[in-house]
Amino acid sequence: MIKLVNCPVCSASSFNSFVETTAQMHSNKELFNFDQCNNCKLVFLNPRVPLDQLKNYYTSFYLPYRGAKAWGKFEKLVEGNQQKLDLRRFRCIKAAHKLSERSLILDIGCGNPTFLKVCQQELNCQTMGIDFSDEGWKDQPESFRKTNLQVAEIKDLPVKLQPDVITMWHYLEHDYTPFENLSFLKSISKPTTTLVIEIPNFDSSSRKKYGKNWAGWHTPRHLSLFSPKNIELLLKKSGWKVCKTATYGTMNPYLLYWMSEMEQKGIQWDKNMESEFMQFVIGMIKFLPKKWNEKTSSLGIMTVIAQPE
């Protein structure tokens, strides 16, 4: 385990234990500690699992890796929801940046790169995705042949890349060195590059409701739980200026509520999820009135849009 002596955002050395949570979506319910910085209020995993051991927490219990197939006979319905999510993400970047066929969209932590495929289909633009593993695309070479996909870290990107848009869809909370990586991305960007970050919001109603069972901890895969003020501080330190912070994102916050409920319930995450599907849908319908308020009060997700300072 790696023990931090300084806050990853402001470098302060004064912090206290905030909560202990069990490993989520994992067979072993070992305990992990999150500290909170007394200066910038960032909440961060401390100590943390060494990066080379993190793969031990991406097993058959990790629902996102199992994908739509985990839902058995409802697989096609779940796939349809992913397509809608990718389109929402495309519309998000289109609203934030003027795009054309010449645009280069870089997705950090692309996973299964269906979002980039939508961008390519809608604009016929250049698309590039990096991730620490090719699990998301290695079995579908024809499906993603027009997208530049690489197993790489941010520091491996070409120094003259100059992307038009950089997206981080639920990546930054996993980042072991967020300041260094954001600084490097700034150094390879144009003055007009737009950075779009979607992350869990520590300062949200779902975190306050579910406490140590909040799915936003995603223990021990999530390292940093940001709030609007400290994410802005981190971006400023690394050379970015925040243009907009929204109390919502493209991901439906109901997912955080549902996963938190499942954590409370003690679900076996490696099981066939068919038996949970109908209750999942009923819960989503009941959640709609609450979702209508997400633009005034964060339910669990936030989006930050920034440009080089």
C-alpha atoms as a PDB file:
ATOM      1  CA  MET A   1       0.000   0.000   0.000  1.00  0.00           C
ATOM      2  CA  ILE A   2       1.173   3.539  -0.816  1.00  0.00           C
ATOM      3  CA  LYS A   3       0.799   6.159   1.921  1.00  0.00           C
ATOM      4  CA  LEU A   4       0.449   9.802   0.838  1.00  0.00           C
ATOM      5  CA  VAL A   5       1.962  12.549   2.989  1.00  0.00           C
ATOM      6  CA  ASN A   6       0.640  15.452   0.885  1.00  0.00           C
ATOM      7  CA  CYS A   7      -2.766  16.277  -0.562  1.00  0.00           C
ATOM      8  CA  PRO A   8      -2.880  15.448  -4.318  1.00  0.00           C
ATOM      9  CA  VAL A   9      -4.498  18.827  -5.081  1.00  0.00           C
ATOM     10  CA  CYS A  10      -3.041  21.506  -2.802  1.00  0.00           C
ATOM     11  CA  SER A  11      -0.009  19.617  -1.380  1.00  0.00           C
ATOM     12  CA  ALA A  12      -1.035  20.373   2.220  1.00  0.00           C
ATOM     13  CA  SER A  13       0.196  17.879   4.812  1.00  0.00           C
ATOM     14  CA  SER A  14      -2.715  18.302   7.234  1.00  0.00           C
ATOM     15  CA  PHE A  15      -5.559  15.825   6.773  1.00  0.00           C
ATOM     16  CA  ASN A  16      -7.734  13.526   8.826  1.00  0.00           C
ATOM     17  CA  SER A  17      -9.527  10.242   8.271  1.00  0.00           C
ATOM     18  CA  PHE A  18     -12.996  10.893   6.822  1.00  0.00           C
ATOM     19  CA  VAL A  19     -14.493   7.414   6.311  1.00  0.00           C
ATOM     20  CA  GLU A  20     -13.596   3.736   6.109  1.00  0.00           C
ATOM     21  CA  THR A  21     -15.310   1.785   3.342  1.00  0.00           C
ATOM     22  CA  THR A  22     -15.179  -1.811   2.165  1.00  0.00           C
ATOM     23  CA  ALA A  23     -13.974  -2.795  -1.299  1.00  0.00           C
ATOM     24  CA  GLN A  24     -16.937  -2.350  -3.656  1.00  0.00           C
ATOM     25  CA  MET A  25     -17.860  -4.698  -6.523  1.00  0.00           C
ATOM     26  CA  HIS A  26     -15.304  -7.127  -5.123  1.00  0.00           C
ATOM     27  CA  SER A  27     -15.362 -10.531  -3.449  1.00  0.00           C
ATOM     28  CA  ASN A  28     -13.098  -9.532  -0.556  1.00  0.00           C
ATOM     29  CA  LYS A  29     -14.676  -6.923   1.760  1.00  0.00           C
ATOM     30  CA  GLU A  30     -11.386  -5.533   3.054  1.00  0.00           C
ATOM     31  CA  LEU A  31     -11.453  -2.039   4.582  1.00  0.00           C
ATOM     32  CA  PHE A  32      -9.917   1.077   3.020  1.00  0.00           C
ATOM     33  CA  ASN A  33      -9.470   4.574   4.461  1.00  0.00           C
ATOM     34  CA  PHE A  34     -10.308   7.918   2.840  1.00  0.00           C
ATOM     35  CA  ASP A  35      -8.694  11.067   4.261  1.00  0.00           C
ATOM     36  CA  GLN A  36      -9.953  14.630   3.881  1.00  0.00           C
ATOM     37  CA  CYS A  37      -7.552  17.537   3.378  1.00  0.00           C
ATOM     38  CA  ASN A  38      -8.011  20.231   6.022  1.00  0.00           C
ATOM     39  CA  ASN A  39      -7.100  22.905   3.470  1.00  0.00           C
ATOM     40  CA  CYS A  40      -8.886  22.233   0.136  1.00  0.00           C
ATOM     41  CA  LYS A  41     -11.316  19.574   1.479  1.00  0.00           C
ATOM     42  CA  LEU A  42     -10.366  16.978  -1.148  1.00  0.00           C
ATOM     43  CA  VAL A  43     -11.269  13.460  -0.031  1.00  0.00           C
ATOM     44  CA  PHE A  44      -8.734  10.857  -1.186  1.00  0.00           C
ATOM     45  CA  LEU A  45      -7.900   7.193  -0.681  1.00  0.00           C
ATOM     46  CA  ASN A  46      -4.972   6.889   1.723  1.00  0.00           C
ATOM     47  CA  PRO A  47      -3.148   4.564   1.666  1.00  0.00           C
ATOM     48  CA  ARG A  48      -3.822   3.319  -1.848  1.00  0.00           C
ATOM     49  CA  VAL A  49      -3.270   0.111  -3.770  1.00  0.00           C
ATOM     50  CA  PRO A  50      -0.096   0.146  -5.929  1.00  0.00           C
ATOM     51  CA  LEU A  51      -0.999   0.617  -9.590  1.00  0.00           C
ATOM     52  CA  ASP A  52       0.461  -2.739 -10.610  1.00  0.00           C
ATOM     53  CA  GLN A  53      -1.858  -4.507  -8.136  1.00  0.00           C
ATOM     54  CA  LEU A  54      -5.045  -2.652  -9.096  1.00  0.00           C
ATOM     55  CA  LYS A  55      -5.916  -5.293 -11.702  1.00  0.00           C
ATOM     56  CA  ASN A  56      -6.831  -7.574  -8.782  1.00  0.00           C
ATOM     57  CA  TYR A  57      -9.929  -5.379  -8.249  1.00  0.00           C
ATOM     58  CA  TYR A  58     -11.170  -5.691 -11.837  1.00  0.00           C
ATOM     59  CA  THR A  59     -12.657  -9.178 -11.672  1.00  0.00           C
ATOM     60  CA  SER A  60     -15.984 -10.821 -12.541  1.00  0.00           C
ATOM     61  CA  PHE A  61     -17.480  -8.792  -9.667  1.00  0.00           C
ATOM     62  CA  TYR A  62     -16.764  -5.538 -11.547  1.00  0.00           C
ATOM     63  CA  LEU A  63     -20.060  -4.873 -13.339  1.00  0.00           C
ATOM     64  CA  PRO A  64     -18.832  -2.300 -15.938  1.00  0.00           C
ATOM     65  CA  TYR A  65     -16.339  -4.820 -17.343  1.00  0.00           C
ATOM     66  CA  ARG A  66     -19.080  -7.416 -17.721  1.00  0.00           C
ATOM     67  CA  GLY A  67     -21.111  -4.896 -19.699  1.00  0.00           C
ATOM     68  CA  ALA A  68     -24.555  -5.538 -21.175  1.00  0.00           C
ATOM     69  CA  LYS A  69     -24.022  -9.323 -21.156  1.00  0.00           C
ATOM     70  CA  ALA A  70     -24.288  -9.265 -17.349  1.00  0.00           C
ATOM     71  CA  TRP A  71     -28.028  -8.559 -17.747  1.00  0.00           C
ATOM     72  CA  GLY A  72     -28.805 -11.816 -19.565  1.00  0.00           C
ATOM     73  CA  LYS A  73     -31.976 -11.649 -21.684  1.00  0.00           C
ATOM     74  CA  PHE A  74     -32.109  -7.852 -21.177  1.00  0.00           C
ATOM     75  CA  GLU A  75     -28.709  -7.389 -22.886  1.00  0.00           C
ATOM     76  CA  LYS A  76     -30.101  -5.561 -25.942  1.00  0.00           C
ATOM     77  CA  LEU A  77     -32.028  -3.080 -23.801  1.00  0.00           C
ATOM     78  CA  VAL A  78     -28.875  -2.272 -21.834  1.00  0.00           C
ATOM     79  CA  GLU A  79     -26.904  -1.847 -25.077  1.00  0.00           C
ATOM     80  CA  GLY A  80     -29.530   0.650 -26.227  1.00  0.00           C
ATOM     81  CA  ASN A  81     -28.984   2.709 -23.091  1.00  0.00           C
ATOM     82  CA  GLN A  82     -25.239   2.829 -23.818  1.00  0.00           C
ATOM     83  CA  GLN A  83     -25.947   4.182 -27.312  1.00  0.00           C
ATOM     84  CA  LYS A  84     -28.105   6.934 -25.805  1.00  0.00           C
ATOM     85  CA  LEU A  85     -25.320   7.781 -23.347  1.00  0.00           C
ATOM     86  CA  ASP A  86     -22.757   8.051 -26.156  1.00  0.00           C
ATOM     87  CA  LEU A  87     -25.055  10.420 -28.057  1.00  0.00           C
ATOM     88  CA  ARG A  88     -25.511  12.595 -24.950  1.00  0.00           C
ATOM     89  CA  ARG A  89     -21.741  12.775 -24.621  1.00  0.00           C
ATOM     90  CA  PHE A  90     -21.354  13.721 -28.258  1.00  0.00           C
ATOM     91  CA  ARG A  91     -23.931  16.507 -27.866  1.00  0.00           C
ATOM     92  CA  CYS A  92     -22.097  17.683 -24.737  1.00  0.00           C
ATOM     93  CA  ILE A  93     -18.788  18.203 -26.544  1.00  0.00           C
ATOM     94  CA  LYS A  94     -20.531  19.642 -29.602  1.00  0.00           C
ATOM     95  CA  ALA A  95     -22.101  22.304 -27.380  1.00  0.00           C
ATOM     96  CA  ALA A  96     -18.748  23.046 -25.722  1.00  0.00           C
ATOM     97  CA  HIS A  97     -16.574  23.254 -28.847  1.00  0.00           C
ATOM     98  CA  LYS A  98     -17.099  23.984 -32.541  1.00  0.00           C
ATOM     99  CA  LEU A  99     -16.321  20.694 -34.283  1.00  0.00           C
ATOM    100  CA  SER A 100     -15.585  19.790 -37.902  1.00  0.00           C
ATOM    101  CA  GLU A 101     -14.164  16.924 -39.982  1.00  0.00           C
ATOM    102  CA  ARG A 102     -10.674  18.225 -39.153  1.00  0.00           C
ATOM    103  CA  SER A 103     -11.223  18.043 -35.393  1.00  0.00           C
ATOM    104  CA  LEU A 104      -9.271  15.582 -33.244  1.00  0.00           C
ATOM    105  CA  ILE A 105     -11.144  14.191 -30.246  1.00  0.00           C
ATOM    106  CA  LEU A 106      -8.988  12.494 -27.615  1.00  0.00           C
ATOM    107  CA  ASP A 107     -10.707  10.308 -25.010  1.00  0.00           C
ATOM    108  CA  ILE A 108      -8.678   9.451 -21.900  1.00  0.00           C
ATOM    109  CA  GLY A 109      -9.609   6.119 -20.327  1.00  0.00           C
ATOM    110  CA  CYS A 110     -11.734   5.180 -23.335  1.00  0.00           C
ATOM    111  CA  GLY A 111     -12.615   1.630 -22.204  1.00  0.00           C
ATOM    112  CA  ASN A 112     -15.074   0.249 -24.744  1.00  0.00           C
ATOM    113  CA  PRO A 113     -14.719   3.182 -27.189  1.00  0.00           C
ATOM    114  CA  THR A 114     -18.316   3.402 -28.401  1.00  0.00           C
ATOM    115  CA  PHE A 115     -18.342   7.160 -27.620  1.00  0.00           C
ATOM    116  CA  LEU A 116     -15.489   7.745 -30.084  1.00  0.00           C
ATOM    117  CA  LYS A 117     -17.263   5.616 -32.674  1.00  0.00           C
ATOM    118  CA  VAL A 118     -20.313   7.892 -32.407  1.00  0.00           C
ATOM    119  CA  CYS A 119     -18.090  10.985 -32.834  1.00  0.00           C
ATOM    120  CA  GLN A 120     -16.509   9.432 -35.926  1.00  0.00           C
ATOM    121  CA  GLN A 121     -19.889   8.490 -37.379  1.00  0.00           C
ATOM    122  CA  GLU A 122     -21.487  11.885 -36.716  1.00  0.00           C
ATOM    123  CA  LEU A 123     -18.590  14.050 -37.936  1.00  0.00           C
ATOM    124  CA  ASN A 124     -16.178  11.811 -39.839  1.00  0.00           C
ATOM    125  CA  CYS A 125     -13.529  13.475 -37.668  1.00  0.00           C
ATOM    126  CA  GLN A 126     -10.274  12.168 -36.174  1.00  0.00           C
ATOM    127  CA  THR A 127     -10.692  10.149 -32.984  1.00  0.00           C
ATOM    128  CA  MET A 128      -8.120   8.773 -30.559  1.00  0.00           C
ATOM    129  CA  GLY A 129      -8.524   6.820 -27.340  1.00  0.00           C
ATOM    130  CA  ILE A 130      -6.079   5.556 -24.732  1.00  0.00           C
ATOM    131  CA  ASP A 131      -6.534   3.157 -21.831  1.00  0.00           C
ATOM    132  CA  PHE A 132      -4.362   0.992 -19.578  1.00  0.00           C
ATOM    133  CA  SER A 133      -5.869  -2.123 -21.195  1.00  0.00           C
ATOM    134  CA  ASP A 134      -7.281  -3.119 -24.583  1.00  0.00           C
ATOM    135  CA  GLU A 135     -10.024  -5.238 -22.993  1.00  0.00           C
ATOM    136  CA  GLY A 136     -12.652  -2.788 -24.261  1.00  0.00           C
ATOM    137  CA  TRP A 137     -11.827  -3.165 -27.941  1.00  0.00           C
ATOM    138  CA  LYS A 138      -9.461  -6.089 -28.647  1.00  0.00           C
ATOM    139  CA  ASP A 139     -12.283  -8.440 -29.701  1.00  0.00           C
ATOM    140  CA  GLN A 140     -13.892  -5.881 -32.049  1.00  0.00           C
ATOM    141  CA  PRO A 141     -11.136  -4.754 -34.456  1.00  0.00           C
ATOM    142  CA  GLU A 142     -13.507  -4.121 -37.375  1.00  0.00           C
ATOM    143  CA  SER A 143     -15.957  -2.120 -35.275  1.00  0.00           C
ATOM    144  CA  PHE A 144     -13.296   0.421 -34.258  1.00  0.00           C
ATOM    145  CA  ARG A 145     -10.964   0.335 -37.263  1.00  0.00           C
ATOM    146  CA  LYS A 146     -11.373   4.076 -37.948  1.00  0.00           C
ATOM    147  CA  THR A 147     -10.356   5.067 -34.416  1.00  0.00           C
ATOM    148  CA  ASN A 148      -6.759   5.324 -33.208  1.00  0.00           C
ATOM    149  CA  LEU A 149      -6.780   3.189 -30.058  1.00  0.00           C
ATOM    150  CA  GLN A 150      -3.697   2.648 -27.910  1.00  0.00           C
ATOM    151  CA  VAL A 151      -2.755   0.957 -24.668  1.00  0.00           C
ATOM    152  CA  ALA A 152      -0.902   3.919 -23.217  1.00  0.00           C
ATOM    153  CA  GLU A 153      -0.585   6.413 -20.388  1.00  0.00           C
ATOM    154  CA  ILE A 154      -1.062  10.160 -20.757  1.00  0.00           C
ATOM    155  CA  LYS A 155       2.705  10.754 -20.639  1.00  0.00           C
ATOM    156  CA  ASP A 156       3.070   8.511 -23.721  1.00  0.00           C
ATOM    157  CA  LEU A 157       1.014  10.850 -25.939  1.00  0.00           C
ATOM    158  CA  PRO A 158       2.879  12.719 -28.707  1.00  0.00           C
ATOM    159  CA  VAL A 159       4.050  16.175 -27.606  1.00  0.00           C
ATOM    160  CA  LYS A 160       2.734  17.692 -30.872  1.00  0.00           C
ATOM    161  CA  LEU A 161      -0.679  16.037 -30.707  1.00  0.00           C
ATOM    162  CA  GLN A 162      -2.757  19.238 -30.289  1.00  0.00           C
ATOM    163  CA  PRO A 163      -6.225  17.727 -29.835  1.00  0.00           C
ATOM    164  CA  ASP A 164      -9.260  19.962 -30.304  1.00  0.00           C
ATOM    165  CA  VAL A 165     -11.252  18.262 -27.546  1.00  0.00           C
ATOM    166  CA  ILE A 166     -10.042  16.110 -24.646  1.00  0.00           C
ATOM    167  CA  THR A 167     -12.656  14.083 -22.793  1.00  0.00           C
ATOM    168  CA  MET A 168     -12.422  12.331 -19.434  1.00  0.00           C
ATOM    169  CA  TRP A 169     -15.636  10.418 -18.766  1.00  0.00           C
ATOM    170  CA  HIS A 170     -15.212   9.187 -15.185  1.00  0.00           C
ATOM    171  CA  TYR A 171     -11.444   8.911 -15.532  1.00  0.00           C
ATOM    172  CA  LEU A 172      -9.941  11.573 -13.279  1.00  0.00           C
ATOM    173  CA  GLU A 173     -11.173  10.012 -10.033  1.00  0.00           C
ATOM    174  CA  HIS A 174      -9.024   6.961 -10.967  1.00  0.00           C
ATOM    175  CA  ASP A 175      -5.877   8.981 -11.760  1.00  0.00           C
ATOM    176  CA  TYR A 176      -2.828   8.322  -9.556  1.00  0.00           C
ATOM    177  CA  THR A 177      -1.111  11.590 -10.605  1.00  0.00           C
ATOM    178  CA  PRO A 178      -3.873  14.040 -11.642  1.00  0.00           C
ATOM    179  CA  PHE A 179      -1.774  17.234 -11.419  1.00  0.00           C
ATOM    180  CA  GLU A 180       1.070  15.832 -13.526  1.00  0.00           C
ATOM    181  CA  ASN A 181      -1.297  14.398 -16.135  1.00  0.00           C
ATOM    182  CA  LEU A 182      -3.436  17.517 -16.454  1.00  0.00           C
ATOM    183  CA  SER A 183      -0.259  19.610 -16.759  1.00  0.00           C
ATOM    184  CA  PHE A 184       1.051  17.357 -19.535  1.00  0.00           C
ATOM    185  CA  LEU A 185      -2.263  17.490 -21.396  1.00  0.00           C
ATOM    186  CA  LYS A 186      -2.140  21.266 -21.244  1.00  0.00           C
ATOM    187  CA  SER A 187       1.380  21.207 -22.723  1.00  0.00           C
ATOM    188  CA  ILE A 188       0.247  19.204 -25.794  1.00  0.00           C
ATOM    189  CA  SER A 189      -2.929  21.234 -26.373  1.00  0.00           C
ATOM    190  CA  LYS A 190      -3.820  24.187 -28.565  1.00  0.00           C
ATOM    191  CA  PRO A 191      -4.827  27.511 -26.957  1.00  0.00           C
ATOM    192  CA  THR A 192      -8.361  26.665 -28.121  1.00  0.00           C
ATOM    193  CA  THR A 193      -8.474  23.059 -26.870  1.00  0.00           C
ATOM    194  CA  THR A 194     -11.526  22.205 -24.757  1.00  0.00           C
ATOM    195  CA  LEU A 195     -11.224  19.794 -21.833  1.00  0.00           C
ATOM    196  CA  VAL A 196     -14.424  18.044 -20.700  1.00  0.00           C
ATOM    197  CA  ILE A 197     -14.342  16.206 -17.352  1.00  0.00           C
ATOM    198  CA  GLU A 198     -17.240  14.232 -15.885  1.00  0.00           C
ATOM    199  CA  ILE A 199     -16.703  12.893 -12.356  1.00  0.00           C
ATOM    200  CA  PRO A 200     -18.603  11.951  -9.193  1.00  0.00           C
ATOM    201  CA  ASN A 201     -19.392  14.977  -7.026  1.00  0.00           C
ATOM    202  CA  PHE A 202     -18.439  14.524  -3.376  1.00  0.00           C
ATOM    203  CA  ASP A 203     -20.628  17.520  -2.524  1.00  0.00           C
ATOM    204  CA  SER A 204     -23.839  15.785  -3.616  1.00  0.00           C
ATOM    205  CA  SER A 205     -27.057  14.459  -2.140  1.00  0.00           C
ATOM    206  CA  SER A 206     -26.315  10.806  -2.949  1.00  0.00           C
ATOM    207  CA  ARG A 207     -23.029  10.886  -1.017  1.00  0.00           C
ATOM    208  CA  LYS A 208     -24.757  12.444   1.994  1.00  0.00           C
ATOM    209  CA  LYS A 209     -27.620   9.939   1.797  1.00  0.00           C
ATOM    210  CA  TYR A 210     -25.602   6.730   1.526  1.00  0.00           C
ATOM    211  CA  GLY A 211     -22.476   7.560   3.545  1.00  0.00           C
ATOM    212  CA  LYS A 212     -19.953   4.704   3.519  1.00  0.00           C
ATOM    213  CA  ASN A 213     -22.159   2.748   1.060  1.00  0.00           C
ATOM    214  CA  TRP A 214     -22.057   5.524  -1.559  1.00  0.00           C
ATOM    215  CA  ALA A 215     -21.138   3.979  -4.909  1.00  0.00           C
ATOM    216  CA  GLY A 216     -19.022   7.053  -5.694  1.00  0.00           C
ATOM    217  CA  TRP A 217     -16.290   5.690  -3.415  1.00  0.00           C
ATOM    218  CA  HIS A 218     -15.883   2.744  -5.807  1.00  0.00           C
ATOM    219  CA  THR A 219     -13.267   1.539  -3.355  1.00  0.00           C
ATOM    220  CA  PRO A 220     -10.341   1.095  -4.037  1.00  0.00           C
ATOM    221  CA  ARG A 221     -10.510   2.107  -7.715  1.00  0.00           C
ATOM    222  CA  HIS A 222     -11.468   5.734  -7.049  1.00  0.00           C
ATOM    223  CA  LEU A 223      -8.580   7.675  -5.570  1.00  0.00           C
ATOM    224  CA  SER A 224      -9.888  11.258  -5.446  1.00  0.00           C
ATOM    225  CA  LEU A 225     -13.412  12.491  -4.696  1.00  0.00           C
ATOM    226  CA  PHE A 226     -13.665  16.042  -5.957  1.00  0.00           C
ATOM    227  CA  SER A 227     -15.979  18.944  -5.165  1.00  0.00           C
ATOM    228  CA  PRO A 228     -16.411  21.983  -7.454  1.00  0.00           C
ATOM    229  CA  LYS A 229     -13.905  24.188  -5.580  1.00  0.00           C
ATOM    230  CA  ASN A 230     -11.025  21.731  -5.369  1.00  0.00           C
ATOM    231  CA  ILE A 231     -11.362  20.491  -8.962  1.00  0.00           C
ATOM    232  CA  GLU A 232     -11.158  24.138 -10.058  1.00  0.00           C
ATOM    233  CA  LEU A 233      -8.056  24.586  -7.866  1.00  0.00           C
ATOM    234  CA  LEU A 234      -6.413  21.508  -9.406  1.00  0.00           C
ATOM    235  CA  LEU A 235      -7.160  22.683 -12.947  1.00  0.00           C
ATOM    236  CA  LYS A 236      -5.830  26.177 -12.248  1.00  0.00           C
ATOM    237  CA  LYS A 237      -2.598  24.766 -10.793  1.00  0.00           C
ATOM    238  CA  SER A 238      -2.104  22.605 -13.885  1.00  0.00           C
ATOM    239  CA  GLY A 239      -2.653  25.444 -16.374  1.00  0.00           C
ATOM    240  CA  TRP A 240      -6.378  25.235 -17.136  1.00  0.00           C
ATOM    241  CA  LYS A 241      -9.138  27.794 -16.687  1.00  0.00           C
ATOM    242  CA  VAL A 242     -12.611  26.541 -15.793  1.00  0.00           C
ATOM    243  CA  CYS A 243     -15.240  27.862 -18.203  1.00  0.00           C
ATOM    244  CA  LYS A 244     -18.236  26.030 -16.743  1.00  0.00           C
ATOM    245  CA  THR A 245     -19.100  23.718 -13.865  1.00  0.00           C
ATOM    246  CA  ALA A 246     -22.424  21.865 -14.010  1.00  0.00           C
ATOM    247  CA  THR A 247     -24.155  20.005 -11.170  1.00  0.00           C
ATOM    248  CA  TYR A 248     -24.993  17.125 -13.526  1.00  0.00           C
ATOM    249  CA  GLY A 249     -23.445  15.042 -16.285  1.00  0.00           C
ATOM    250  CA  THR A 250     -24.314  12.704 -19.145  1.00  0.00           C
ATOM    251  CA  MET A 251     -24.523   9.730 -16.780  1.00  0.00           C
ATOM    252  CA  ASN A 252     -27.890   9.273 -15.098  1.00  0.00           C
ATOM    253  CA  PRO A 253     -27.343   9.923 -11.361  1.00  0.00           C
ATOM    254  CA  TYR A 254     -29.872   7.175 -10.667  1.00  0.00           C
ATOM    255  CA  LEU A 255     -27.054   4.709 -11.357  1.00  0.00           C
ATOM    256  CA  LEU A 256     -25.183   6.010  -8.302  1.00  0.00           C
ATOM    257  CA  TYR A 257     -28.331   5.706  -6.185  1.00  0.00           C
ATOM    258  CA  TRP A 258     -29.015   2.189  -7.461  1.00  0.00           C
ATOM    259  CA  MET A 259     -25.435   0.959  -6.972  1.00  0.00           C
ATOM    260  CA  SER A 260     -25.412   2.473  -3.476  1.00  0.00           C
ATOM    261  CA  GLU A 261     -28.645   0.636  -2.660  1.00  0.00           C
ATOM    262  CA  MET A 262     -27.077  -2.592  -3.931  1.00  0.00           C
ATOM    263  CA  GLU A 263     -24.021  -2.015  -1.728  1.00  0.00           C
ATOM    264  CA  GLN A 264     -26.313  -1.601   1.277  1.00  0.00           C
ATOM    265  CA  LYS A 265     -28.116  -4.782   0.261  1.00  0.00           C
ATOM    266  CA  GLY A 266     -24.825  -6.710  -0.031  1.00  0.00           C
ATOM    267  CA  ILE A 267     -25.481  -7.930  -3.575  1.00  0.00           C
ATOM    268  CA  GLN A 268     -23.166 -10.505  -5.193  1.00  0.00           C
ATOM    269  CA  TRP A 269     -21.942  -8.457  -8.138  1.00  0.00           C
ATOM    270  CA  ASP A 270     -20.765 -11.464 -10.158  1.00  0.00           C
ATOM    271  CA  LYS A 271     -24.238 -12.961 -10.511  1.00  0.00           C
ATOM    272  CA  ASN A 272     -26.563 -12.835 -13.526  1.00  0.00           C
ATOM    273  CA  MET A 273     -28.287  -9.447 -13.132  1.00  0.00           C
ATOM    274  CA  GLU A 274     -31.549 -10.516 -14.832  1.00  0.00           C
ATOM    275  CA  SER A 275     -33.298 -10.857 -11.474  1.00  0.00           C
ATOM    276  CA  GLU A 276     -32.497  -7.221 -10.635  1.00  0.00           C
ATOM    277  CA  PHE A 277     -33.620  -5.706 -13.935  1.00  0.00           C
ATOM    278  CA  MET A 278     -37.319  -5.059 -13.264  1.00  0.00           C
ATOM    279  CA  GLN A 279     -36.645  -3.458  -9.881  1.00  0.00           C
ATOM    280  CA  PHE A 280     -33.888  -1.405 -11.536  1.00  0.00           C
ATOM    281  CA  VAL A 281     -36.377  -0.056 -14.107  1.00  0.00           C
ATOM    282  CA  ILE A 282     -39.105   0.585 -11.499  1.00  0.00           C
ATOM    283  CA  GLY A 283     -36.580   2.468  -9.380  1.00  0.00           C
ATOM    284  CA  MET A 284     -35.506   4.569 -12.366  1.00  0.00           C
ATOM    285  CA  ILE A 285     -39.114   5.598 -13.039  1.00  0.00           C
ATOM    286  CA  LYS A 286     -39.654   6.533  -9.386  1.00  0.00           C
ATOM    287  CA  PHE A 287     -36.420   8.542  -9.504  1.00  0.00           C
ATOM    288  CA  LEU A 288     -37.593  10.818 -12.345  1.00  0.00           C
ATOM    289  CA  PRO A 289     -39.082  13.592 -10.140  1.00  0.00           C
ATOM    290  CA  LYS A 290     -35.792  13.818  -8.241  1.00  0.00           C
ATOM    291  CA  LYS A 291     -33.784  13.885 -11.489  1.00  0.00           C
ATOM    292  CA  TRP A 292     -35.656  16.988 -12.611  1.00  0.00           C
ATOM    293  CA  ASN A 293     -33.742  18.912  -9.916  1.00  0.00           C
ATOM    294  CA  GLU A 294     -30.246  17.872 -11.010  1.00  0.00           C
ATOM    295  CA  LYS A 295     -29.552  21.224 -12.718  1.00  0.00           C
ATOM    296  CA  THR A 296     -29.963  23.091  -9.435  1.00  0.00           C
ATOM    297  CA  SER A 297     -28.634  20.566  -6.920  1.00  0.00           C
ATOM    298  CA  SER A 298     -26.068  17.844  -7.614  1.00  0.00           C
ATOM    299  CA  LEU A 299     -27.397  14.318  -7.186  1.00  0.00           C
ATOM    300  CA  GLY A 300     -23.975  12.718  -7.580  1.00  0.00           C
ATOM    301  CA  ILE A 301     -22.340  13.775 -10.865  1.00  0.00           C
ATOM    302  CA  MET A 302     -20.692  16.971 -12.083  1.00  0.00           C
ATOM    303  CA  THR A 303     -19.193  18.190 -15.349  1.00  0.00           C
ATOM    304  CA  VAL A 304     -16.306  20.631 -15.658  1.00  0.00           C
ATOM    305  CA  ILE A 305     -15.362  22.324 -18.941  1.00  0.00           C
ATOM    306  CA  ALA A 306     -11.991  24.062 -19.170  1.00  0.00           C
ATOM    307  CA  GLN A 307      -9.527  25.582 -21.638  1.00  0.00           C
ATOM    308  CA  PRO A 308      -5.790  26.349 -21.411  1.00  0.00           C
ATOM    309  CA  GLU A 309      -5.156  29.447 -19.333  1.00  0.00           C
END
